[in-house]
Amino acid sequence: EVKAIAKLGPNILVAEPTELIGTGKPADKEYVDEVIRVIREINPDIKPFPSAGISKGEDCYNIIKAGSSASGCSSAIAKAANPLALAEEMISAVRRAYDERNAK
């Protein structure tokens, strides 16, 4: 499915294993790496966004460090006891991962 959608030339491509959506169990590194590789082979201008099961800042950090252009987290924030605190944790983790990934 990722290959077919990438051939349509979107700006960003979200790829989430259906069975992980809303579970709090993030996609494994192999899945993330493969999605990014496939998208970049077809069109390096597409921003890859492999995700699913993101539930904490560490998950956001890991997905960005792996090469994702973004991180999703809607169900985790909706279910959180303190949604604002979780959103701030996730945003901070994304910033830190981008900074580390792009440090030269």
PDB file of N, CA and C in Angstrom:
ATOM      1  N   GLU A   1       0.819  -1.197   0.000  1.00  0.00           N
ATOM      2  CA  GLU A   1       0.000   0.000   0.000  1.00  0.00           C
ATOM      3  C   GLU A   1       0.862   1.260   0.000  1.00  0.00           C
ATOM      4  N   VAL A   2       1.963   1.239   0.754  1.00  0.00           N
ATOM      5  CA  VAL A   2       2.861   2.391   0.810  1.00  0.00           C
ATOM      6  C   VAL A   2       3.402   2.690  -0.585  1.00  0.00           C
ATOM      7  N   LYS A   3       3.804   1.656  -1.314  1.00  0.00           N
ATOM      8  CA  LYS A   3       4.334   1.854  -2.669  1.00  0.00           C
ATOM      9  C   LYS A   3       3.291   2.501  -3.575  1.00  0.00           C
ATOM     10  N   ALA A   4       2.081   1.998  -3.536  1.00  0.00           N
ATOM     11  CA  ALA A   4       1.024   2.527  -4.405  1.00  0.00           C
ATOM     12  C   ALA A   4       0.721   3.985  -4.081  1.00  0.00           C
ATOM     13  N   ILE A   5       0.652   4.307  -2.824  1.00  0.00           N
ATOM     14  CA  ILE A   5       0.341   5.685  -2.430  1.00  0.00           C
ATOM     15  C   ILE A   5       1.503   6.611  -2.747  1.00  0.00           C
ATOM     16  N   ALA A   6       2.736   6.155  -2.507  1.00  0.00           N
ATOM     17  CA  ALA A   6       3.910   6.984  -2.805  1.00  0.00           C
ATOM     18  C   ALA A   6       3.957   7.352  -4.287  1.00  0.00           C
ATOM     19  N   LYS A   7       3.522   6.456  -5.146  1.00  0.00           N
ATOM     20  CA  LYS A   7       3.520   6.725  -6.588  1.00  0.00           C
ATOM     21  C   LYS A   7       2.544   7.830  -6.977  1.00  0.00           C
ATOM     22  N   LEU A   8       1.611   8.157  -6.091  1.00  0.00           N
ATOM     23  CA  LEU A   8       0.668   9.247  -6.349  1.00  0.00           C
ATOM     24  C   LEU A   8       1.283  10.612  -6.045  1.00  0.00           C
ATOM     25  N   GLY A   9       2.436  10.625  -5.367  1.00  0.00           N
ATOM     26  CA  GLY A   9       3.164  11.864  -5.118  1.00  0.00           C
ATOM     27  C   GLY A   9       2.626  12.769  -4.028  1.00  0.00           C
ATOM     28  N   PRO A  10       2.197  12.226  -2.889  1.00  0.00           N
ATOM     29  CA  PRO A  10       1.742  13.124  -1.813  1.00  0.00           C
ATOM     30  C   PRO A  10       2.918  13.871  -1.205  1.00  0.00           C
ATOM     31  N   ASN A  11       2.642  14.905  -0.428  1.00  0.00           N
ATOM     32  CA  ASN A  11       3.694  15.642   0.293  1.00  0.00           C
ATOM     33  C   ASN A  11       4.221  14.838   1.474  1.00  0.00           C
ATOM     34  N   ILE A  12       3.310  14.162   2.169  1.00  0.00           N
ATOM     35  CA  ILE A  12       3.646  13.351   3.336  1.00  0.00           C
ATOM     36  C   ILE A  12       2.831  12.075   3.254  1.00  0.00           C
ATOM     37  N   LEU A  13       3.412  10.985   3.720  1.00  0.00           N
ATOM     38  CA  LEU A  13       2.716   9.707   3.656  1.00  0.00           C
ATOM     39  C   LEU A  13       2.715   9.079   5.047  1.00  0.00           C
ATOM     40  N   VAL A  14       1.529   8.938   5.612  1.00  0.00           N
ATOM     41  CA  VAL A  14       1.361   8.309   6.914  1.00  0.00           C
ATOM     42  C   VAL A  14       1.161   6.815   6.694  1.00  0.00           C
ATOM     43  N   ALA A  15       1.967   6.005   7.364  1.00  0.00           N
ATOM     44  CA  ALA A  15       1.850   4.548   7.266  1.00  0.00           C
ATOM     45  C   ALA A  15       1.771   3.972   8.667  1.00  0.00           C
ATOM     46  N   GLU A  16       0.639   3.346   8.978  1.00  0.00           N
ATOM     47  CA  GLU A  16       0.434   2.787  10.305  1.00  0.00           C
ATOM     48  C   GLU A  16      -0.082   1.356  10.193  1.00  0.00           C
ATOM     49  N   PRO A  17       0.587   0.400  10.835  1.00  0.00           N
ATOM     50  CA  PRO A  17       0.034  -0.948  10.854  1.00  0.00           C
ATOM     51  C   PRO A  17      -1.310  -0.918  11.588  1.00  0.00           C
ATOM     52  N   THR A  18      -2.362  -1.280  10.910  1.00  0.00           N
ATOM     53  CA  THR A  18      -3.711  -1.188  11.460  1.00  0.00           C
ATOM     54  C   THR A  18      -3.827  -1.845  12.827  1.00  0.00           C
ATOM     55  N   GLU A  19      -3.173  -2.974  12.985  1.00  0.00           N
ATOM     56  CA  GLU A  19      -3.299  -3.716  14.242  1.00  0.00           C
ATOM     57  C   GLU A  19      -2.660  -3.013  15.435  1.00  0.00           C
ATOM     58  N   LEU A  20      -1.861  -1.967  15.198  1.00  0.00           N
ATOM     59  CA  LEU A  20      -1.212  -1.251  16.303  1.00  0.00           C
ATOM     60  C   LEU A  20      -1.885   0.067  16.655  1.00  0.00           C
ATOM     61  N   ILE A  21      -2.772   0.552  15.813  1.00  0.00           N
ATOM     62  CA  ILE A  21      -3.410   1.841  16.054  1.00  0.00           C
ATOM     63  C   ILE A  21      -4.189   1.796  17.367  1.00  0.00           C
ATOM     64  N   GLY A  22      -3.872   2.740  18.248  1.00  0.00           N
ATOM     65  CA  GLY A  22      -4.577   2.861  19.529  1.00  0.00           C
ATOM     66  C   GLY A  22      -4.172   1.851  20.583  1.00  0.00           C
ATOM     67  N   THR A  23      -3.140   1.045  20.308  1.00  0.00           N
ATOM     68  CA  THR A  23      -2.754   0.003  21.266  1.00  0.00           C
ATOM     69  C   THR A  23      -1.731   0.465  22.287  1.00  0.00           C
ATOM     70  N   GLY A  24      -1.014   1.554  22.009  1.00  0.00           N
ATOM     71  CA  GLY A  24       0.074   1.967  22.879  1.00  0.00           C
ATOM     72  C   GLY A  24       1.340   1.169  22.628  1.00  0.00           C
ATOM     73  N   LYS A  25       1.328   0.341  21.600  1.00  0.00           N
ATOM     74  CA  LYS A  25       2.488  -0.474  21.224  1.00  0.00           C
ATOM     75  C   LYS A  25       3.000   0.055  19.884  1.00  0.00           C
ATOM     76  N   PRO A  26       4.154   0.732  19.890  1.00  0.00           N
ATOM     77  CA  PRO A  26       4.634   1.357  18.651  1.00  0.00           C
ATOM     78  C   PRO A  26       5.125   0.350  17.613  1.00  0.00           C
ATOM     79  N   ALA A  27       5.106   0.782  16.363  1.00  0.00           N
ATOM     80  CA  ALA A  27       5.644  -0.029  15.272  1.00  0.00           C
ATOM     81  C   ALA A  27       7.120  -0.281  15.526  1.00  0.00           C
ATOM     82  N   ASP A  28       7.598  -1.467  15.168  1.00  0.00           N
ATOM     83  CA  ASP A  28       9.004  -1.787  15.424  1.00  0.00           C
ATOM     84  C   ASP A  28       9.921  -1.089  14.425  1.00  0.00           C
ATOM     85  N   LYS A  29      11.196  -1.055  14.765  1.00  0.00           N
ATOM     86  CA  LYS A  29      12.186  -0.344  13.963  1.00  0.00           C
ATOM     87  C   LYS A  29      12.266  -0.887  12.539  1.00  0.00           C
ATOM     88  N   GLU A  30      12.111  -2.180  12.365  1.00  0.00           N
ATOM     89  CA  GLU A  30      12.164  -2.766  11.023  1.00  0.00           C
ATOM     90  C   GLU A  30      11.054  -2.201  10.137  1.00  0.00           C
ATOM     91  N   TYR A  31       9.850  -2.077  10.706  1.00  0.00           N
ATOM     92  CA  TYR A  31       8.730  -1.515   9.950  1.00  0.00           C
ATOM     93  C   TYR A  31       9.022  -0.065   9.574  1.00  0.00           C
ATOM     94  N   VAL A  32       9.461   0.704  10.550  1.00  0.00           N
ATOM     95  CA  VAL A  32       9.771   2.122  10.328  1.00  0.00           C
ATOM     96  C   VAL A  32      10.840   2.268   9.243  1.00  0.00           C
ATOM     97  N   ASP A  33      11.925   1.508   9.379  1.00  0.00           N
ATOM     98  CA  ASP A  33      13.017   1.578   8.401  1.00  0.00           C
ATOM     99  C   ASP A  33      12.536   1.207   6.998  1.00  0.00           C
ATOM    100  N   GLU A  34      11.724   0.168   6.893  1.00  0.00           N
ATOM    101  CA  GLU A  34      11.238  -0.290   5.581  1.00  0.00           C
ATOM    102  C   GLU A  34      10.316   0.741   4.932  1.00  0.00           C
ATOM    103  N   VAL A  35       9.418   1.320   5.704  1.00  0.00           N
ATOM    104  CA  VAL A  35       8.516   2.350   5.171  1.00  0.00           C
ATOM    105  C   VAL A  35       9.322   3.533   4.641  1.00  0.00           C
ATOM    106  N   ILE A  36      10.284   3.989   5.423  1.00  0.00           N
ATOM    107  CA  ILE A  36      11.109   5.129   5.002  1.00  0.00           C
ATOM    108  C   ILE A  36      11.890   4.782   3.738  1.00  0.00           C
ATOM    109  N   ARG A  37      12.481   3.594   3.694  1.00  0.00           N
ATOM    110  CA  ARG A  37      13.263   3.168   2.533  1.00  0.00           C
ATOM    111  C   ARG A  37      12.399   3.131   1.271  1.00  0.00           C
ATOM    112  N   VAL A  38      11.237   2.509   1.371  1.00  0.00           N
ATOM    113  CA  VAL A  38      10.344   2.374   0.211  1.00  0.00           C
ATOM    114  C   VAL A  38       9.903   3.740  -0.299  1.00  0.00           C
ATOM    115  N   ILE A  39       9.506   4.608   0.608  1.00  0.00           N
ATOM    116  CA  ILE A  39       9.054   5.942   0.210  1.00  0.00           C
ATOM    117  C   ILE A  39      10.181   6.711  -0.468  1.00  0.00           C
ATOM    118  N   ARG A  40      11.350   6.703   0.119  1.00  0.00           N
ATOM    119  CA  ARG A  40      12.483   7.459  -0.445  1.00  0.00           C
ATOM    120  C   ARG A  40      12.932   6.915  -1.791  1.00  0.00           C
ATOM    121  N   GLU A  41      12.820   5.601  -1.995  1.00  0.00           N
ATOM    122  CA  GLU A  41      13.174   5.023  -3.297  1.00  0.00           C
ATOM    123  C   GLU A  41      12.232   5.503  -4.390  1.00  0.00           C
ATOM    124  N   ILE A  42      10.973   5.639  -4.058  1.00  0.00           N
ATOM    125  CA  ILE A  42       9.974   6.051  -5.043  1.00  0.00           C
ATOM    126  C   ILE A  42      10.010   7.548  -5.279  1.00  0.00           C
ATOM    127  N   ASN A  43      10.087   8.316  -4.186  1.00  0.00           N
ATOM    128  CA  ASN A  43      10.089   9.771  -4.318  1.00  0.00           C
ATOM    129  C   ASN A  43      10.716  10.388  -3.058  1.00  0.00           C
ATOM    130  N   PRO A  44      11.973  10.804  -3.144  1.00  0.00           N
ATOM    131  CA  PRO A  44      12.641  11.343  -1.961  1.00  0.00           C
ATOM    132  C   PRO A  44      12.066  12.665  -1.447  1.00  0.00           C
ATOM    133  N   ASP A  45      11.164  13.278  -2.211  1.00  0.00           N
ATOM    134  CA  ASP A  45      10.537  14.520  -1.759  1.00  0.00           C
ATOM    135  C   ASP A  45       9.356  14.282  -0.811  1.00  0.00           C
ATOM    136  N   ILE A  46       8.862  13.050  -0.755  1.00  0.00           N
ATOM    137  CA  ILE A  46       7.757  12.731   0.156  1.00  0.00           C
ATOM    138  C   ILE A  46       8.307  12.608   1.570  1.00  0.00           C
ATOM    139  N   LYS A  47       7.637  13.253   2.509  1.00  0.00           N
ATOM    140  CA  LYS A  47       8.031  13.150   3.911  1.00  0.00           C
ATOM    141  C   LYS A  47       7.422  11.870   4.485  1.00  0.00           C
ATOM    142  N   PRO A  48       8.280  10.922   4.925  1.00  0.00           N
ATOM    143  CA  PRO A  48       7.749   9.674   5.481  1.00  0.00           C
ATOM    144  C   PRO A  48       7.245   9.875   6.908  1.00  0.00           C
ATOM    145  N   PHE A  49       6.140   9.242   7.227  1.00  0.00           N
ATOM    146  CA  PHE A  49       5.520   9.370   8.541  1.00  0.00           C
ATOM    147  C   PHE A  49       5.001   7.999   8.979  1.00  0.00           C
ATOM    148  N   PRO A  50       5.935   7.053   9.246  1.00  0.00           N
ATOM    149  CA  PRO A  50       5.485   5.772   9.786  1.00  0.00           C
ATOM    150  C   PRO A  50       5.162   5.963  11.262  1.00  0.00           C
ATOM    151  N   SER A  51       4.079   5.374  11.707  1.00  0.00           N
ATOM    152  CA  SER A  51       3.673   5.613  13.084  1.00  0.00           C
ATOM    153  C   SER A  51       2.799   4.475  13.576  1.00  0.00           C
ATOM    154  N   ALA A  52       1.988   4.719  14.566  1.00  0.00           N
ATOM    155  CA  ALA A  52       1.007   3.829  15.199  1.00  0.00           C
ATOM    156  C   ALA A  52       1.479   3.441  16.585  1.00  0.00           C
ATOM    157  N   GLY A  53       0.567   3.421  17.505  1.00  0.00           N
ATOM    158  CA  GLY A  53       0.857   2.985  18.862  1.00  0.00           C
ATOM    159  C   GLY A  53       1.734   3.921  19.664  1.00  0.00           C
ATOM    160  N   ILE A  54       1.857   5.155  19.240  1.00  0.00           N
ATOM    161  CA  ILE A  54       2.683   6.131  19.952  1.00  0.00           C
ATOM    162  C   ILE A  54       1.942   6.523  21.235  1.00  0.00           C
ATOM    163  N   SER A  55       2.610   6.345  22.390  1.00  0.00           N
ATOM    164  CA  SER A  55       1.895   6.635  23.639  1.00  0.00           C
ATOM    165  C   SER A  55       2.678   7.465  24.642  1.00  0.00           C
ATOM    166  N   LYS A  56       3.957   7.727  24.343  1.00  0.00           N
ATOM    167  CA  LYS A  56       4.759   8.521  25.288  1.00  0.00           C
ATOM    168  C   LYS A  56       5.860   9.242  24.520  1.00  0.00           C
ATOM    169  N   GLY A  57       6.507  10.177  25.209  1.00  0.00           N
ATOM    170  CA  GLY A  57       7.563  10.956  24.578  1.00  0.00           C
ATOM    171  C   GLY A  57       8.666  10.100  23.987  1.00  0.00           C
ATOM    172  N   GLU A  58       9.039   9.049  24.685  1.00  0.00           N
ATOM    173  CA  GLU A  58      10.097   8.163  24.201  1.00  0.00           C
ATOM    174  C   GLU A  58       9.746   7.568  22.832  1.00  0.00           C
ATOM    175  N   ASP A  59       8.476   7.227  22.627  1.00  0.00           N
ATOM    176  CA  ASP A  59       8.042   6.700  21.327  1.00  0.00           C
ATOM    177  C   ASP A  59       8.217   7.754  20.238  1.00  0.00           C
ATOM    178  N   CYS A  60       7.846   8.986  20.554  1.00  0.00           N
ATOM    179  CA  CYS A  60       8.000  10.090  19.598  1.00  0.00           C
ATOM    180  C   CYS A  60       9.476  10.288  19.261  1.00  0.00           C
ATOM    181  N   TYR A  61      10.305  10.298  20.281  1.00  0.00           N
ATOM    182  CA  TYR A  61      11.745  10.457  20.101  1.00  0.00           C
ATOM    183  C   TYR A  61      12.285   9.370  19.167  1.00  0.00           C
ATOM    184  N   ASN A  62      11.940   8.123  19.456  1.00  0.00           N
ATOM    185  CA  ASN A  62      12.461   7.001  18.671  1.00  0.00           C
ATOM    186  C   ASN A  62      12.036   7.057  17.207  1.00  0.00           C
ATOM    187  N   ILE A  63      10.813   7.434  16.935  1.00  0.00           N
ATOM    188  CA  ILE A  63      10.319   7.454  15.556  1.00  0.00           C
ATOM    189  C   ILE A  63      10.996   8.572  14.758  1.00  0.00           C
ATOM    190  N   ILE A  64      11.240   9.710  15.389  1.00  0.00           N
ATOM    191  CA  ILE A  64      11.926  10.816  14.710  1.00  0.00           C
ATOM    192  C   ILE A  64      13.395  10.469  14.495  1.00  0.00           C
ATOM    193  N   LYS A  65      14.041   9.920  15.498  1.00  0.00           N
ATOM    194  CA  LYS A  65      15.446   9.531  15.359  1.00  0.00           C
ATOM    195  C   LYS A  65      15.614   8.496  14.239  1.00  0.00           C
ATOM    196  N   ALA A  66      14.614   7.660  14.021  1.00  0.00           N
ATOM    197  CA  ALA A  66      14.674   6.645  12.970  1.00  0.00           C
ATOM    198  C   ALA A  66      14.509   7.237  11.576  1.00  0.00           C
ATOM    199  N   GLY A  67      14.069   8.496  11.492  1.00  0.00           N
ATOM    200  CA  GLY A  67      13.945   9.141  10.191  1.00  0.00           C
ATOM    201  C   GLY A  67      12.558   9.599   9.803  1.00  0.00           C
ATOM    202  N   SER A  68      11.575   9.373  10.664  1.00  0.00           N
ATOM    203  CA  SER A  68      10.225   9.836  10.361  1.00  0.00           C
ATOM    204  C   SER A  68      10.189  11.367  10.353  1.00  0.00           C
ATOM    205  N   SER A  69       9.321  11.928   9.547  1.00  0.00           N
ATOM    206  CA  SER A  69       9.168  13.381   9.475  1.00  0.00           C
ATOM    207  C   SER A  69       8.221  13.919  10.536  1.00  0.00           C
ATOM    208  N   ALA A  70       7.465  13.022  11.176  1.00  0.00           N
ATOM    209  CA  ALA A  70       6.480  13.446  12.167  1.00  0.00           C
ATOM    210  C   ALA A  70       6.167  12.277  13.086  1.00  0.00           C
ATOM    211  N   SER A  71       5.360  12.549  14.093  1.00  0.00           N
ATOM    212  CA  SER A  71       4.921  11.505  15.014  1.00  0.00           C
ATOM    213  C   SER A  71       3.461  11.739  15.365  1.00  0.00           C
ATOM    214  N   GLY A  72       2.681  10.703  15.272  1.00  0.00           N
ATOM    215  CA  GLY A  72       1.271  10.798  15.640  1.00  0.00           C
ATOM    216  C   GLY A  72       1.077  10.373  17.089  1.00  0.00           C
ATOM    217  N   CYS A  73      -0.083  10.691  17.644  1.00  0.00           N
ATOM    218  CA  CYS A  73      -0.321  10.314  19.047  1.00  0.00           C
ATOM    219  C   CYS A  73      -1.739  10.634  19.494  1.00  0.00           C
ATOM    220  N   SER A  74      -2.690  10.693  18.630  1.00  0.00           N
ATOM    221  CA  SER A  74      -4.019  11.191  18.992  1.00  0.00           C
ATOM    222  C   SER A  74      -4.714  10.393  20.083  1.00  0.00           C
ATOM    223  N   SER A  75      -4.736   9.059  19.997  1.00  0.00           N
ATOM    224  CA  SER A  75      -5.469   8.301  21.009  1.00  0.00           C
ATOM    225  C   SER A  75      -4.786   8.372  22.373  1.00  0.00           C
ATOM    226  N   ALA A  76      -3.464   8.407  22.394  1.00  0.00           N
ATOM    227  CA  ALA A  76      -2.755   8.494  23.676  1.00  0.00           C
ATOM    228  C   ALA A  76      -3.100   9.789  24.403  1.00  0.00           C
ATOM    229  N   ILE A  77      -3.123  10.884  23.684  1.00  0.00           N
ATOM    230  CA  ILE A  77      -3.448  12.168  24.308  1.00  0.00           C
ATOM    231  C   ILE A  77      -4.911  12.193  24.732  1.00  0.00           C
ATOM    232  N   ALA A  78      -5.794  11.653  23.905  1.00  0.00           N
ATOM    233  CA  ALA A  78      -7.219  11.636  24.238  1.00  0.00           C
ATOM    234  C   ALA A  78      -7.495  10.813  25.495  1.00  0.00           C
ATOM    235  N   LYS A  79      -6.708   9.754  25.708  1.00  0.00           N
ATOM    236  CA  LYS A  79      -6.915   8.869  26.857  1.00  0.00           C
ATOM    237  C   LYS A  79      -6.118   9.269  28.099  1.00  0.00           C
ATOM    238  N   ALA A  80      -5.197  10.208  27.975  1.00  0.00           N
ATOM    239  CA  ALA A  80      -4.293  10.563  29.071  1.00  0.00           C
ATOM    240  C   ALA A  80      -5.027  11.234  30.232  1.00  0.00           C
ATOM    241  N   ALA A  81      -4.562  10.955  31.445  1.00  0.00           N
ATOM    242  CA  ALA A  81      -5.105  11.619  32.629  1.00  0.00           C
ATOM    243  C   ALA A  81      -4.825  13.118  32.563  1.00  0.00           C
ATOM    244  N   ASN A  82      -3.669  13.485  32.010  1.00  0.00           N
ATOM    245  CA  ASN A  82      -3.297  14.891  31.851  1.00  0.00           C
ATOM    246  C   ASN A  82      -2.834  15.091  30.402  1.00  0.00           C
ATOM    247  N   PRO A  83      -3.785  15.325  29.486  1.00  0.00           N
ATOM    248  CA  PRO A  83      -3.445  15.443  28.072  1.00  0.00           C
ATOM    249  C   PRO A  83      -2.408  16.528  27.770  1.00  0.00           C
ATOM    250  N   LEU A  84      -2.481  17.662  28.458  1.00  0.00           N
ATOM    251  CA  LEU A  84      -1.539  18.748  28.210  1.00  0.00           C
ATOM    252  C   LEU A  84      -0.115  18.331  28.569  1.00  0.00           C
ATOM    253  N   ALA A  85       0.047  17.675  29.707  1.00  0.00           N
ATOM    254  CA  ALA A  85       1.381  17.228  30.126  1.00  0.00           C
ATOM    255  C   ALA A  85       1.948  16.222  29.133  1.00  0.00           C
ATOM    256  N   LEU A  86       1.120  15.296  28.656  1.00  0.00           N
ATOM    257  CA  LEU A  86       1.595  14.309  27.685  1.00  0.00           C
ATOM    258  C   LEU A  86       1.953  14.983  26.367  1.00  0.00           C
ATOM    259  N   ALA A  87       1.135  15.915  25.912  1.00  0.00           N
ATOM    260  CA  ALA A  87       1.443  16.636  24.671  1.00  0.00           C
ATOM    261  C   ALA A  87       2.769  17.384  24.804  1.00  0.00           C
ATOM    262  N   GLU A  88       2.989  18.028  25.940  1.00  0.00           N
ATOM    263  CA  GLU A  88       4.250  18.753  26.154  1.00  0.00           C
ATOM    264  C   GLU A  88       5.436  17.793  26.176  1.00  0.00           C
ATOM    265  N   GLU A  89       5.278  16.633  26.816  1.00  0.00           N
ATOM    266  CA  GLU A  89       6.334  15.616  26.845  1.00  0.00           C
ATOM    267  C   GLU A  89       6.674  15.163  25.419  1.00  0.00           C
ATOM    268  N   MET A  90       5.642  14.922  24.620  1.00  0.00           N
ATOM    269  CA  MET A  90       5.842  14.442  23.253  1.00  0.00           C
ATOM    270  C   MET A  90       6.490  15.504  22.369  1.00  0.00           C
ATOM    271  N   ILE A  91       6.039  16.725  22.494  1.00  0.00           N
ATOM    272  CA  ILE A  91       6.611  17.818  21.698  1.00  0.00           C
ATOM    273  C   ILE A  91       8.080  18.012  22.049  1.00  0.00           C
ATOM    274  N   SER A  92       8.387  17.964  23.321  1.00  0.00           N
ATOM    275  CA  SER A  92       9.774  18.094  23.759  1.00  0.00           C
ATOM    276  C   SER A  92      10.637  16.960  23.199  1.00  0.00           C
ATOM    277  N   ALA A  93      10.114  15.752  23.210  1.00  0.00           N
ATOM    278  CA  ALA A  93      10.851  14.595  22.693  1.00  0.00           C
ATOM    279  C   ALA A  93      11.093  14.721  21.191  1.00  0.00           C
ATOM    280  N   VAL A  94      10.099  15.189  20.452  1.00  0.00           N
ATOM    281  CA  VAL A  94      10.250  15.389  19.008  1.00  0.00           C
ATOM    282  C   VAL A  94      11.326  16.437  18.743  1.00  0.00           C
ATOM    283  N   ARG A  95      11.297  17.541  19.467  1.00  0.00           N
ATOM    284  CA  ARG A  95      12.295  18.600  19.288  1.00  0.00           C
ATOM    285  C   ARG A  95      13.704  18.078  19.545  1.00  0.00           C
ATOM    286  N   ARG A  96      13.852  17.337  20.653  1.00  0.00           N
ATOM    287  CA  ARG A  96      15.158  16.792  21.018  1.00  0.00           C
ATOM    288  C   ARG A  96      15.662  15.822  19.936  1.00  0.00           C
ATOM    289  N   ALA A  97      14.779  14.973  19.438  1.00  0.00           N
ATOM    290  CA  ALA A  97      15.172  14.008  18.401  1.00  0.00           C
ATOM    291  C   ALA A  97      15.562  14.716  17.111  1.00  0.00           C
ATOM    292  N   TYR A  98      14.796  15.726  16.686  1.00  0.00           N
ATOM    293  CA  TYR A  98      15.147  16.495  15.480  1.00  0.00           C
ATOM    294  C   TYR A  98      16.497  17.168  15.659  1.00  0.00           C
ATOM    295  N   ASP A  99      16.709  17.790  16.815  1.00  0.00           N
ATOM    296  CA  ASP A  99      17.975  18.480  17.068  1.00  0.00           C
ATOM    297  C   ASP A  99      19.142  17.502  17.014  1.00  0.00           C
ATOM    298  N   GLU A 100      18.989  16.347  17.641  1.00  0.00           N
ATOM    299  CA  GLU A 100      20.066  15.346  17.631  1.00  0.00           C
ATOM    300  C   GLU A 100      20.284  14.762  16.237  1.00  0.00           C
ATOM    301  N   ARG A 101      19.212  14.505  15.527  1.00  0.00           N
ATOM    302  CA  ARG A 101      19.310  13.923  14.192  1.00  0.00           C
ATOM    303  C   ARG A 101      19.988  14.880  13.210  1.00  0.00           C
ATOM    304  N   ASN A 102      19.761  16.161  13.409  1.00  0.00           N
ATOM    305  CA  ASN A 102      20.282  17.152  12.458  1.00  0.00           C
ATOM    306  C   ASN A 102      21.567  17.827  12.921  1.00  0.00           C
ATOM    307  N   ALA A 103      22.090  17.441  14.082  1.00  0.00           N
ATOM    308  CA  ALA A 103      23.358  18.007  14.571  1.00  0.00           C
ATOM    309  C   ALA A 103      24.504  17.544  13.679  1.00  0.00           C
ATOM    310  N   LYS A 104      25.389  18.445  13.384  1.00  0.00           N
ATOM    311  CA  LYS A 104      26.519  18.069  12.508  1.00  0.00           C
ATOM    312  C   LYS A 104      27.807  18.316  13.210  1.00  0.00           C
TER     313      LYS A 104
END
